[in-house]
Amino acid sequence: MKALILKYIDYLFVFLAPIAIGFAYFLVIMLLKRINKNVNYVLGLIIPLVINVVFLFMVFPTYQGELSSAFVESVSYFGLSLAGTLTYGVFAIAASGIRKRSKPTLTK
């Protein structure tokens, strides 16, 4: 029973790691944006998208017509990198939306 709980915790960390990495990357871009006004969230999306493309190109050579363990492993890496990118994207959209709503407007 203890081995099953430890295995569950391992899978939970595998699930939460890309989300935590995506959030940490968002915080880094947010801090860079405060330091340098030329940085925006779309430019911060370039690095995660490049990582996703690299993992996607790792998927194609491993498919040999059937579901091999190498194919499933490369698809899972692509899915984990995509989860981090989506996490960053959600936080970036939310932050830019909050910033646009909180700016005071001049009314006549």
PDB file of N, CA and C in Angstrom:
ATOM      1  N   MET A   1       0.817  -1.194   0.000  1.00  0.00           N
ATOM      2  CA  MET A   1       0.000   0.000   0.000  1.00  0.00           C
ATOM      3  C   MET A   1       0.861   1.259   0.000  1.00  0.00           C
ATOM      4  N   LYS A   2       1.951   1.219   0.771  1.00  0.00           N
ATOM      5  CA  LYS A   2       2.834   2.376   0.837  1.00  0.00           C
ATOM      6  C   LYS A   2       3.488   2.627  -0.520  1.00  0.00           C
ATOM      7  N   ALA A   3       3.803   1.564  -1.256  1.00  0.00           N
ATOM      8  CA  ALA A   3       4.414   1.717  -2.584  1.00  0.00           C
ATOM      9  C   ALA A   3       3.437   2.374  -3.553  1.00  0.00           C
ATOM     10  N   LEU A   4       2.153   2.030  -3.438  1.00  0.00           N
ATOM     11  CA  LEU A   4       1.158   2.653  -4.305  1.00  0.00           C
ATOM     12  C   LEU A   4       1.000   4.137  -4.007  1.00  0.00           C
ATOM     13  N   ILE A   5       1.045   4.497  -2.733  1.00  0.00           N
ATOM     14  CA  ILE A   5       0.935   5.910  -2.356  1.00  0.00           C
ATOM     15  C   ILE A   5       2.147   6.678  -2.872  1.00  0.00           C
ATOM     16  N   LEU A   6       3.337   6.100  -2.738  1.00  0.00           N
ATOM     17  CA  LEU A   6       4.541   6.762  -3.244  1.00  0.00           C
ATOM     18  C   LEU A   6       4.494   6.900  -4.765  1.00  0.00           C
ATOM     19  N   LYS A   7       3.980   5.894  -5.458  1.00  0.00           N
ATOM     20  CA  LYS A   7       3.849   5.967  -6.912  1.00  0.00           C
ATOM     21  C   LYS A   7       2.845   7.058  -7.298  1.00  0.00           C
ATOM     22  N   TYR A   8       1.753   7.175  -6.544  1.00  0.00           N
ATOM     23  CA  TYR A   8       0.765   8.224  -6.781  1.00  0.00           C
ATOM     24  C   TYR A   8       1.379   9.603  -6.582  1.00  0.00           C
ATOM     25  N   ILE A   9       2.185   9.758  -5.544  1.00  0.00           N
ATOM     26  CA  ILE A   9       2.847  11.045  -5.286  1.00  0.00           C
ATOM     27  C   ILE A   9       3.823  11.369  -6.415  1.00  0.00           C
ATOM     28  N   ASP A  10       4.517  10.360  -6.930  1.00  0.00           N
ATOM     29  CA  ASP A  10       5.413  10.584  -8.067  1.00  0.00           C
ATOM     30  C   ASP A  10       4.639  11.085  -9.284  1.00  0.00           C
ATOM     31  N   TYR A  11       3.517  10.464  -9.579  1.00  0.00           N
ATOM     32  CA  TYR A  11       2.700  10.907 -10.713  1.00  0.00           C
ATOM     33  C   TYR A  11       2.127  12.299 -10.480  1.00  0.00           C
ATOM     34  N   LEU A  12       1.802  12.614  -9.245  1.00  0.00           N
ATOM     35  CA  LEU A  12       1.291  13.934  -8.921  1.00  0.00           C
ATOM     36  C   LEU A  12       2.358  14.999  -9.164  1.00  0.00           C
ATOM     37  N   PHE A  13       3.604  14.700  -8.786  1.00  0.00           N
ATOM     38  CA  PHE A  13       4.693  15.639  -9.043  1.00  0.00           C
ATOM     39  C   PHE A  13       4.958  15.797 -10.535  1.00  0.00           C
ATOM     40  N   VAL A  14       4.840  14.715 -11.285  1.00  0.00           N
ATOM     41  CA  VAL A  14       5.019  14.800 -12.739  1.00  0.00           C
ATOM     42  C   VAL A  14       3.937  15.689 -13.341  1.00  0.00           C
ATOM     43  N   PHE A  15       2.732  15.622 -12.801  1.00  0.00           N
ATOM     44  CA  PHE A  15       1.638  16.455 -13.286  1.00  0.00           C
ATOM     45  C   PHE A  15       1.821  17.910 -12.885  1.00  0.00           C
ATOM     46  N   LEU A  16       2.268  18.163 -11.660  1.00  0.00           N
ATOM     47  CA  LEU A  16       2.368  19.531 -11.155  1.00  0.00           C
ATOM     48  C   LEU A  16       3.647  20.248 -11.571  1.00  0.00           C
ATOM     49  N   ALA A  17       4.680  19.525 -11.952  1.00  0.00           N
ATOM     50  CA  ALA A  17       5.957  20.152 -12.301  1.00  0.00           C
ATOM     51  C   ALA A  17       5.836  21.111 -13.486  1.00  0.00           C
ATOM     52  N   PRO A  18       5.212  20.746 -14.619  1.00  0.00           N
ATOM     53  CA  PRO A  18       5.127  21.719 -15.714  1.00  0.00           C
ATOM     54  C   PRO A  18       4.264  22.924 -15.369  1.00  0.00           C
ATOM     55  N   ILE A  19       3.270  22.732 -14.521  1.00  0.00           N
ATOM     56  CA  ILE A  19       2.440  23.861 -14.109  1.00  0.00           C
ATOM     57  C   ILE A  19       3.267  24.819 -13.257  1.00  0.00           C
ATOM     58  N   ALA A  20       4.054  24.282 -12.348  1.00  0.00           N
ATOM     59  CA  ALA A  20       4.911  25.125 -11.510  1.00  0.00           C
ATOM     60  C   ALA A  20       5.990  25.813 -12.349  1.00  0.00           C
ATOM     61  N   ILE A  21       6.541  25.103 -13.319  1.00  0.00           N
ATOM     62  CA  ILE A  21       7.565  25.701 -14.183  1.00  0.00           C
ATOM     63  C   ILE A  21       6.956  26.807 -15.045  1.00  0.00           C
ATOM     64  N   GLY A  22       5.754  26.585 -15.574  1.00  0.00           N
ATOM     65  CA  GLY A  22       5.074  27.620 -16.362  1.00  0.00           C
ATOM     66  C   GLY A  22       4.782  28.852 -15.529  1.00  0.00           C
ATOM     67  N   PHE A  23       4.362  28.662 -14.276  1.00  0.00           N
ATOM     68  CA  PHE A  23       4.105  29.797 -13.402  1.00  0.00           C
ATOM     69  C   PHE A  23       5.391  30.525 -13.034  1.00  0.00           C
ATOM     70  N   ALA A  24       6.455  29.778 -12.758  1.00  0.00           N
ATOM     71  CA  ALA A  24       7.743  30.405 -12.440  1.00  0.00           C
ATOM     72  C   ALA A  24       8.267  31.198 -13.638  1.00  0.00           C
ATOM     73  N   TYR A  25       8.100  30.655 -14.834  1.00  0.00           N
ATOM     74  CA  TYR A  25       8.524  31.379 -16.038  1.00  0.00           C
ATOM     75  C   TYR A  25       7.705  32.648 -16.208  1.00  0.00           C
ATOM     76  N   PHE A  26       6.407  32.588 -15.905  1.00  0.00           N
ATOM     77  CA  PHE A  26       5.575  33.780 -15.960  1.00  0.00           C
ATOM     78  C   PHE A  26       6.073  34.835 -14.978  1.00  0.00           C
ATOM     79  N   LEU A  27       6.440  34.421 -13.768  1.00  0.00           N
ATOM     80  CA  LEU A  27       6.953  35.380 -12.788  1.00  0.00           C
ATOM     81  C   LEU A  27       8.248  36.027 -13.258  1.00  0.00           C
ATOM     82  N   VAL A  28       9.116  35.252 -13.912  1.00  0.00           N
ATOM     83  CA  VAL A  28      10.364  35.810 -14.446  1.00  0.00           C
ATOM     84  C   VAL A  28      10.061  36.847 -15.523  1.00  0.00           C
ATOM     85  N   ILE A  29       9.162  36.534 -16.435  1.00  0.00           N
ATOM     86  CA  ILE A  29       8.807  37.491 -17.489  1.00  0.00           C
ATOM     87  C   ILE A  29       8.132  38.719 -16.889  1.00  0.00           C
ATOM     88  N   MET A  30       7.301  38.529 -15.875  1.00  0.00           N
ATOM     89  CA  MET A  30       6.647  39.664 -15.222  1.00  0.00           C
ATOM     90  C   MET A  30       7.672  40.588 -14.569  1.00  0.00           C
ATOM     91  N   LEU A  31       8.678  40.000 -13.915  1.00  0.00           N
ATOM     92  CA  LEU A  31       9.728  40.827 -13.309  1.00  0.00           C
ATOM     93  C   LEU A  31      10.566  41.527 -14.373  1.00  0.00           C
ATOM     94  N   LEU A  32      10.871  40.825 -15.467  1.00  0.00           N
ATOM     95  CA  LEU A  32      11.602  41.479 -16.564  1.00  0.00           C
ATOM     96  C   LEU A  32      10.789  42.600 -17.179  1.00  0.00           C
ATOM     97  N   LYS A  33       9.477  42.438 -17.224  1.00  0.00           N
ATOM     98  CA  LYS A  33       8.605  43.469 -17.764  1.00  0.00           C
ATOM     99  C   LYS A  33       8.613  44.704 -16.878  1.00  0.00           C
ATOM    100  N   ARG A  34       8.719  44.520 -15.584  1.00  0.00           N
ATOM    101  CA  ARG A  34       8.788  45.675 -14.678  1.00  0.00           C
ATOM    102  C   ARG A  34      10.126  46.404 -14.802  1.00  0.00           C
ATOM    103  N   ILE A  35      11.188  45.665 -15.100  1.00  0.00           N
ATOM    104  CA  ILE A  35      12.509  46.274 -15.244  1.00  0.00           C
ATOM    105  C   ILE A  35      12.641  46.972 -16.585  1.00  0.00           C
ATOM    106  N   ASN A  36      12.242  46.288 -17.657  1.00  0.00           N
ATOM    107  CA  ASN A  36      12.378  46.815 -19.006  1.00  0.00           C
ATOM    108  C   ASN A  36      10.990  46.859 -19.644  1.00  0.00           C
ATOM    109  N   LYS A  37      10.552  48.038 -20.041  1.00  0.00           N
ATOM    110  CA  LYS A  37       9.202  48.202 -20.585  1.00  0.00           C
ATOM    111  C   LYS A  37       9.052  47.617 -21.988  1.00  0.00           C
ATOM    112  N   ASN A  38      10.157  47.270 -22.662  1.00  0.00           N
ATOM    113  CA  ASN A  38      10.065  46.705 -24.006  1.00  0.00           C
ATOM    114  C   ASN A  38       9.707  45.225 -24.011  1.00  0.00           C
ATOM    115  N   VAL A  39       9.812  44.571 -22.864  1.00  0.00           N
ATOM    116  CA  VAL A  39       9.464  43.161 -22.762  1.00  0.00           C
ATOM    117  C   VAL A  39       7.950  43.045 -22.647  1.00  0.00           C
ATOM    118  N   ASN A  40       7.360  42.159 -23.433  1.00  0.00           N
ATOM    119  CA  ASN A  40       5.936  41.891 -23.269  1.00  0.00           C
ATOM    120  C   ASN A  40       5.717  40.388 -23.195  1.00  0.00           C
ATOM    121  N   TYR A  41       4.487  40.010 -22.907  1.00  0.00           N
ATOM    122  CA  TYR A  41       4.193  38.599 -22.673  1.00  0.00           C
ATOM    123  C   TYR A  41       4.241  37.766 -23.945  1.00  0.00           C
ATOM    124  N   VAL A  42       3.992  38.379 -25.091  1.00  0.00           N
ATOM    125  CA  VAL A  42       4.062  37.635 -26.354  1.00  0.00           C
ATOM    126  C   VAL A  42       5.504  37.250 -26.664  1.00  0.00           C
ATOM    127  N   LEU A  43       6.448  38.137 -26.389  1.00  0.00           N
ATOM    128  CA  LEU A  43       7.861  37.799 -26.587  1.00  0.00           C
ATOM    129  C   LEU A  43       8.294  36.679 -25.638  1.00  0.00           C
ATOM    130  N   GLY A  44       7.694  36.635 -24.459  1.00  0.00           N
ATOM    131  CA  GLY A  44       8.006  35.571 -23.518  1.00  0.00           C
ATOM    132  C   GLY A  44       7.476  34.225 -23.953  1.00  0.00           C
ATOM    133  N   LEU A  45       6.538  34.224 -24.888  1.00  0.00           N
ATOM    134  CA  LEU A  45       5.960  32.975 -25.374  1.00  0.00           C
ATOM    135  C   LEU A  45       6.849  32.277 -26.400  1.00  0.00           C
ATOM    136  N   ILE A  46       7.850  32.973 -26.900  1.00  0.00           N
ATOM    137  CA  ILE A  46       8.707  32.406 -27.943  1.00  0.00           C
ATOM    138  C   ILE A  46       9.487  31.186 -27.418  1.00  0.00           C
ATOM    139  N   ILE A  47      10.091  31.289 -26.264  1.00  0.00           N
ATOM    140  CA  ILE A  47      10.904  30.193 -25.728  1.00  0.00           C
ATOM    141  C   ILE A  47      10.072  28.938 -25.461  1.00  0.00           C
ATOM    142  N   PRO A  48       8.906  29.042 -24.794  1.00  0.00           N
ATOM    143  CA  PRO A  48       8.113  27.816 -24.620  1.00  0.00           C
ATOM    144  C   PRO A  48       7.626  27.218 -25.936  1.00  0.00           C
ATOM    145  N   LEU A  49       7.306  28.033 -26.914  1.00  0.00           N
ATOM    146  CA  LEU A  49       6.871  27.499 -28.200  1.00  0.00           C
ATOM    147  C   LEU A  49       8.000  26.773 -28.918  1.00  0.00           C
ATOM    148  N   VAL A  50       9.217  27.280 -28.809  1.00  0.00           N
ATOM    149  CA  VAL A  50      10.371  26.593 -29.403  1.00  0.00           C
ATOM    150  C   VAL A  50      10.581  25.236 -28.726  1.00  0.00           C
ATOM    151  N   ILE A  51      10.430  25.201 -27.413  1.00  0.00           N
ATOM    152  CA  ILE A  51      10.559  23.932 -26.685  1.00  0.00           C
ATOM    153  C   ILE A  51       9.476  22.951 -27.123  1.00  0.00           C
ATOM    154  N   ASN A  52       8.247  23.457 -27.318  1.00  0.00           N
ATOM    155  CA  ASN A  52       7.162  22.584 -27.792  1.00  0.00           C
ATOM    156  C   ASN A  52       7.452  22.031 -29.174  1.00  0.00           C
ATOM    157  N   VAL A  53       7.978  22.845 -30.060  1.00  0.00           N
ATOM    158  CA  VAL A  53       8.295  22.386 -31.417  1.00  0.00           C
ATOM    159  C   VAL A  53       9.388  21.322 -31.380  1.00  0.00           C
ATOM    160  N   VAL A  54      10.385  21.510 -30.528  1.00  0.00           N
ATOM    161  CA  VAL A  54      11.455  20.510 -30.401  1.00  0.00           C
ATOM    162  C   VAL A  54      10.879  19.174 -29.948  1.00  0.00           C
ATOM    163  N   PHE A  55      10.014  19.189 -28.921  1.00  0.00           N
ATOM    164  CA  PHE A  55       9.415  17.942 -28.450  1.00  0.00           C
ATOM    165  C   PHE A  55       8.458  17.355 -29.482  1.00  0.00           C
ATOM    166  N   LEU A  56       7.791  18.202 -30.261  1.00  0.00           N
ATOM    167  CA  LEU A  56       6.914  17.696 -31.302  1.00  0.00           C
ATOM    168  C   LEU A  56       7.708  16.997 -32.392  1.00  0.00           C
ATOM    169  N   PHE A  57       8.862  17.549 -32.760  1.00  0.00           N
ATOM    170  CA  PHE A  57       9.694  16.891 -33.759  1.00  0.00           C
ATOM    171  C   PHE A  57      10.347  15.619 -33.228  1.00  0.00           C
ATOM    172  N   MET A  58      10.387  15.452 -31.914  1.00  0.00           N
ATOM    173  CA  MET A  58      10.864  14.192 -31.346  1.00  0.00           C
ATOM    174  C   MET A  58       9.805  13.099 -31.457  1.00  0.00           C
ATOM    175  N   VAL A  59       8.543  13.485 -31.630  1.00  0.00           N
ATOM    176  CA  VAL A  59       7.456  12.508 -31.712  1.00  0.00           C
ATOM    177  C   VAL A  59       7.487  11.776 -33.048  1.00  0.00           C
ATOM    178  N   PHE A  60       7.692  12.513 -34.137  1.00  0.00           N
ATOM    179  CA  PHE A  60       7.561  11.929 -35.475  1.00  0.00           C
ATOM    180  C   PHE A  60       8.511  10.766 -35.752  1.00  0.00           C
ATOM    181  N   PRO A  61       9.801  10.823 -35.412  1.00  0.00           N
ATOM    182  CA  PRO A  61      10.667   9.682 -35.729  1.00  0.00           C
ATOM    183  C   PRO A  61      10.375   8.423 -34.906  1.00  0.00           C
ATOM    184  N   THR A  62       9.693   8.576 -33.777  1.00  0.00           N
ATOM    185  CA  THR A  62       9.460   7.413 -32.924  1.00  0.00           C
ATOM    186  C   THR A  62       8.224   6.626 -33.324  1.00  0.00           C
ATOM    187  N   TYR A  63       7.384   7.180 -34.197  1.00  0.00           N
ATOM    188  CA  TYR A  63       6.175   6.456 -34.614  1.00  0.00           C
ATOM    189  C   TYR A  63       6.531   5.493 -35.738  1.00  0.00           C
ATOM    190  N   GLN A  64       6.361   4.216 -35.484  1.00  0.00           N
ATOM    191  CA  GLN A  64       6.694   3.181 -36.466  1.00  0.00           C
ATOM    192  C   GLN A  64       5.470   2.379 -36.893  1.00  0.00           C
ATOM    193  N   GLY A  65       4.290   2.941 -36.755  1.00  0.00           N
ATOM    194  CA  GLY A  65       3.084   2.226 -37.143  1.00  0.00           C
ATOM    195  C   GLY A  65       2.338   1.614 -35.976  1.00  0.00           C
ATOM    196  N   GLU A  66       3.001   1.419 -34.868  1.00  0.00           N
ATOM    197  CA  GLU A  66       2.336   0.901 -33.681  1.00  0.00           C
ATOM    198  C   GLU A  66       2.761   1.739 -32.480  1.00  0.00           C
ATOM    199  N   LEU A  67       2.086   1.538 -31.385  1.00  0.00           N
ATOM    200  CA  LEU A  67       2.392   2.314 -30.184  1.00  0.00           C
ATOM    201  C   LEU A  67       3.565   1.668 -29.442  1.00  0.00           C
ATOM    202  N   SER A  68       4.744   2.175 -29.700  1.00  0.00           N
ATOM    203  CA  SER A  68       5.923   1.686 -28.988  1.00  0.00           C
ATOM    204  C   SER A  68       6.130   2.528 -27.736  1.00  0.00           C
ATOM    205  N   SER A  69       6.975   2.054 -26.864  1.00  0.00           N
ATOM    206  CA  SER A  69       7.236   2.801 -25.622  1.00  0.00           C
ATOM    207  C   SER A  69       7.958   4.110 -25.909  1.00  0.00           C
ATOM    208  N   ALA A  70       8.804   4.154 -26.930  1.00  0.00           N
ATOM    209  CA  ALA A  70       9.492   5.396 -27.283  1.00  0.00           C
ATOM    210  C   ALA A  70       8.497   6.435 -27.802  1.00  0.00           C
ATOM    211  N   PHE A  71       7.503   5.994 -28.569  1.00  0.00           N
ATOM    212  CA  PHE A  71       6.488   6.910 -29.082  1.00  0.00           C
ATOM    213  C   PHE A  71       5.655   7.481 -27.940  1.00  0.00           C
ATOM    214  N   VAL A  72       5.222   6.645 -27.028  1.00  0.00           N
ATOM    215  CA  VAL A  72       4.410   7.107 -25.900  1.00  0.00           C
ATOM    216  C   VAL A  72       5.216   8.051 -25.015  1.00  0.00           C
ATOM    217  N   GLU A  73       6.495   7.750 -24.827  1.00  0.00           N
ATOM    218  CA  GLU A  73       7.348   8.617 -24.012  1.00  0.00           C
ATOM    219  C   GLU A  73       7.538   9.983 -24.667  1.00  0.00           C
ATOM    220  N   SER A  74       7.755  10.019 -25.976  1.00  0.00           N
ATOM    221  CA  SER A  74       7.948  11.306 -26.650  1.00  0.00           C
ATOM    222  C   SER A  74       6.649  12.110 -26.688  1.00  0.00           C
ATOM    223  N   VAL A  75       5.511  11.447 -26.824  1.00  0.00           N
ATOM    224  CA  VAL A  75       4.226  12.159 -26.773  1.00  0.00           C
ATOM    225  C   VAL A  75       3.980  12.718 -25.376  1.00  0.00           C
ATOM    226  N   SER A  76       4.375  11.977 -24.346  1.00  0.00           N
ATOM    227  CA  SER A  76       4.182  12.470 -22.983  1.00  0.00           C
ATOM    228  C   SER A  76       5.078  13.675 -22.699  1.00  0.00           C
ATOM    229  N   TYR A  77       6.309  13.666 -23.212  1.00  0.00           N
ATOM    230  CA  TYR A  77       7.168  14.848 -23.047  1.00  0.00           C
ATOM    231  C   TYR A  77       6.581  16.055 -23.760  1.00  0.00           C
ATOM    232  N   PHE A  78       6.033  15.830 -24.945  1.00  0.00           N
ATOM    233  CA  PHE A  78       5.386  16.929 -25.655  1.00  0.00           C
ATOM    234  C   PHE A  78       4.184  17.443 -24.866  1.00  0.00           C
ATOM    235  N   GLY A  79       3.407  16.554 -24.303  1.00  0.00           N
ATOM    236  CA  GLY A  79       2.251  16.962 -23.506  1.00  0.00           C
ATOM    237  C   GLY A  79       2.644  17.738 -22.259  1.00  0.00           C
ATOM    238  N   LEU A  80       3.721  17.322 -21.613  1.00  0.00           N
ATOM    239  CA  LEU A  80       4.184  18.042 -20.430  1.00  0.00           C
ATOM    240  C   LEU A  80       4.702  19.432 -20.789  1.00  0.00           C
ATOM    241  N   SER A  81       5.416  19.545 -21.906  1.00  0.00           N
ATOM    242  CA  SER A  81       5.892  20.870 -22.316  1.00  0.00           C
ATOM    243  C   SER A  81       4.722  21.751 -22.741  1.00  0.00           C
ATOM    244  N   LEU A  82       3.715  21.156 -23.353  1.00  0.00           N
ATOM    245  CA  LEU A  82       2.527  21.912 -23.742  1.00  0.00           C
ATOM    246  C   LEU A  82       1.760  22.397 -22.515  1.00  0.00           C
ATOM    247  N   ALA A  83       1.739  21.609 -21.454  1.00  0.00           N
ATOM    248  CA  ALA A  83       1.072  22.021 -20.219  1.00  0.00           C
ATOM    249  C   ALA A  83       1.742  23.242 -19.607  1.00  0.00           C
ATOM    250  N   GLY A  84       3.067  23.272 -19.627  1.00  0.00           N
ATOM    251  CA  GLY A  84       3.783  24.448 -19.123  1.00  0.00           C
ATOM    252  C   GLY A  84       3.526  25.678 -19.973  1.00  0.00           C
ATOM    253  N   THR A  85       3.466  25.496 -21.287  1.00  0.00           N
ATOM    254  CA  THR A  85       3.199  26.619 -22.183  1.00  0.00           C
ATOM    255  C   THR A  85       1.782  27.147 -21.977  1.00  0.00           C
ATOM    256  N   LEU A  86       0.834  26.255 -21.837  1.00  0.00           N
ATOM    257  CA  LEU A  86      -0.544  26.694 -21.608  1.00  0.00           C
ATOM    258  C   LEU A  86      -0.693  27.399 -20.264  1.00  0.00           C
ATOM    259  N   THR A  87       0.024  26.927 -19.259  1.00  0.00           N
ATOM    260  CA  THR A  87      -0.006  27.601 -17.962  1.00  0.00           C
ATOM    261  C   THR A  87       0.532  29.015 -18.080  1.00  0.00           C
ATOM    262  N   TYR A  88       1.672  29.173 -18.756  1.00  0.00           N
ATOM    263  CA  TYR A  88       2.218  30.506 -18.968  1.00  0.00           C
ATOM    264  C   TYR A  88       1.229  31.369 -19.757  1.00  0.00           C
ATOM    265  N   GLY A  89       0.621  30.808 -20.787  1.00  0.00           N
ATOM    266  CA  GLY A  89      -0.313  31.568 -21.611  1.00  0.00           C
ATOM    267  C   GLY A  89      -1.516  32.046 -20.826  1.00  0.00           C
ATOM    268  N   VAL A  90      -2.062  31.203 -19.970  1.00  0.00           N
ATOM    269  CA  VAL A  90      -3.215  31.597 -19.163  1.00  0.00           C
ATOM    270  C   VAL A  90      -2.852  32.729 -18.215  1.00  0.00           C
ATOM    271  N   PHE A  91      -1.717  32.616 -17.550  1.00  0.00           N
ATOM    272  CA  PHE A  91      -1.305  33.679 -16.635  1.00  0.00           C
ATOM    273  C   PHE A  91      -0.972  34.967 -17.379  1.00  0.00           C
ATOM    274  N   ALA A  92      -0.366  34.865 -18.559  1.00  0.00           N
ATOM    275  CA  ALA A  92      -0.031  36.065 -19.337  1.00  0.00           C
ATOM    276  C   ALA A  92      -1.295  36.771 -19.820  1.00  0.00           C
ATOM    277  N   ILE A  93      -2.276  36.007 -20.276  1.00  0.00           N
ATOM    278  CA  ILE A  93      -3.534  36.615 -20.715  1.00  0.00           C
ATOM    279  C   ILE A  93      -4.245  37.274 -19.539  1.00  0.00           C
ATOM    280  N   ALA A  94      -4.246  36.609 -18.410  1.00  0.00           N
ATOM    281  CA  ALA A  94      -4.892  37.181 -17.229  1.00  0.00           C
ATOM    282  C   ALA A  94      -4.184  38.452 -16.768  1.00  0.00           C
ATOM    283  N   ALA A  95      -2.860  38.446 -16.769  1.00  0.00           N
ATOM    284  CA  ALA A  95      -2.120  39.623 -16.314  1.00  0.00           C
ATOM    285  C   ALA A  95      -2.308  40.799 -17.259  1.00  0.00           C
ATOM    286  N   SER A  96      -2.297  40.556 -18.559  1.00  0.00           N
ATOM    287  CA  SER A  96      -2.488  41.667 -19.491  1.00  0.00           C
ATOM    288  C   SER A  96      -3.928  42.176 -19.437  1.00  0.00           C
ATOM    289  N   GLY A  97      -4.889  41.291 -19.189  1.00  0.00           N
ATOM    290  CA  GLY A  97      -6.272  41.728 -19.049  1.00  0.00           C
ATOM    291  C   GLY A  97      -6.495  42.546 -17.792  1.00  0.00           C
ATOM    292  N   ILE A  98      -5.876  42.137 -16.698  1.00  0.00           N
ATOM    293  CA  ILE A  98      -5.998  42.893 -15.450  1.00  0.00           C
ATOM    294  C   ILE A  98      -5.336  44.250 -15.593  1.00  0.00           C
ATOM    295  N   ARG A  99      -4.204  44.299 -16.254  1.00  0.00           N
ATOM    296  CA  ARG A  99      -3.502  45.568 -16.422  1.00  0.00           C
ATOM    297  C   ARG A  99      -4.328  46.540 -17.262  1.00  0.00           C
ATOM    298  N   LYS A 100      -4.972  46.042 -18.317  1.00  0.00           N
ATOM    299  CA  LYS A 100      -5.783  46.919 -19.168  1.00  0.00           C
ATOM    300  C   LYS A 100      -7.031  47.401 -18.441  1.00  0.00           C
ATOM    301  N   ARG A 101      -7.591  46.592 -17.570  1.00  0.00           N
ATOM    302  CA  ARG A 101      -8.796  47.000 -16.844  1.00  0.00           C
ATOM    303  C   ARG A 101      -8.475  47.954 -15.710  1.00  0.00           C
ATOM    304  N   SER A 102      -7.287  47.876 -15.145  1.00  0.00           N
ATOM    305  CA  SER A 102      -6.969  48.693 -13.982  1.00  0.00           C
ATOM    306  C   SER A 102      -6.413  50.066 -14.331  1.00  0.00           C
ATOM    307  N   LYS A 103      -6.125  50.322 -15.615  1.00  0.00           N
ATOM    308  CA  LYS A 103      -5.640  51.636 -16.002  1.00  0.00           C
ATOM    309  C   LYS A 103      -6.790  52.645 -15.897  1.00  0.00           C
ATOM    310  N   PRO A 104      -6.533  53.778 -15.286  1.00  0.00           N
ATOM    311  CA  PRO A 104      -7.619  54.772 -15.169  1.00  0.00           C
ATOM    312  C   PRO A 104      -7.899  55.393 -16.535  1.00  0.00           C
ATOM    313  N   THR A 105      -9.146  55.620 -16.779  1.00  0.00           N
ATOM    314  CA  THR A 105      -9.550  56.261 -18.033  1.00  0.00           C
ATOM    315  C   THR A 105     -10.036  57.661 -17.744  1.00  0.00           C
ATOM    316  N   LEU A 106      -9.777  58.538 -18.658  1.00  0.00           N
ATOM    317  CA  LEU A 106     -10.226  59.921 -18.510  1.00  0.00           C
ATOM    318  C   LEU A 106     -11.600  60.066 -19.165  1.00  0.00           C
ATOM    319  N   THR A 107     -12.559  60.472 -18.386  1.00  0.00           N
ATOM    320  CA  THR A 107     -13.899  60.696 -18.928  1.00  0.00           C
ATOM    321  C   THR A 107     -14.213  62.165 -18.879  1.00  0.00           C
ATOM    322  N   LYS A 108     -14.936  62.601 -19.856  1.00  0.00           N
ATOM    323  CA  LYS A 108     -15.303  64.043 -19.904  1.00  0.00           C
ATOM    324  C   LYS A 108     -16.694  64.255 -19.418  1.00  0.00           C
TER     325      LYS A 108
END
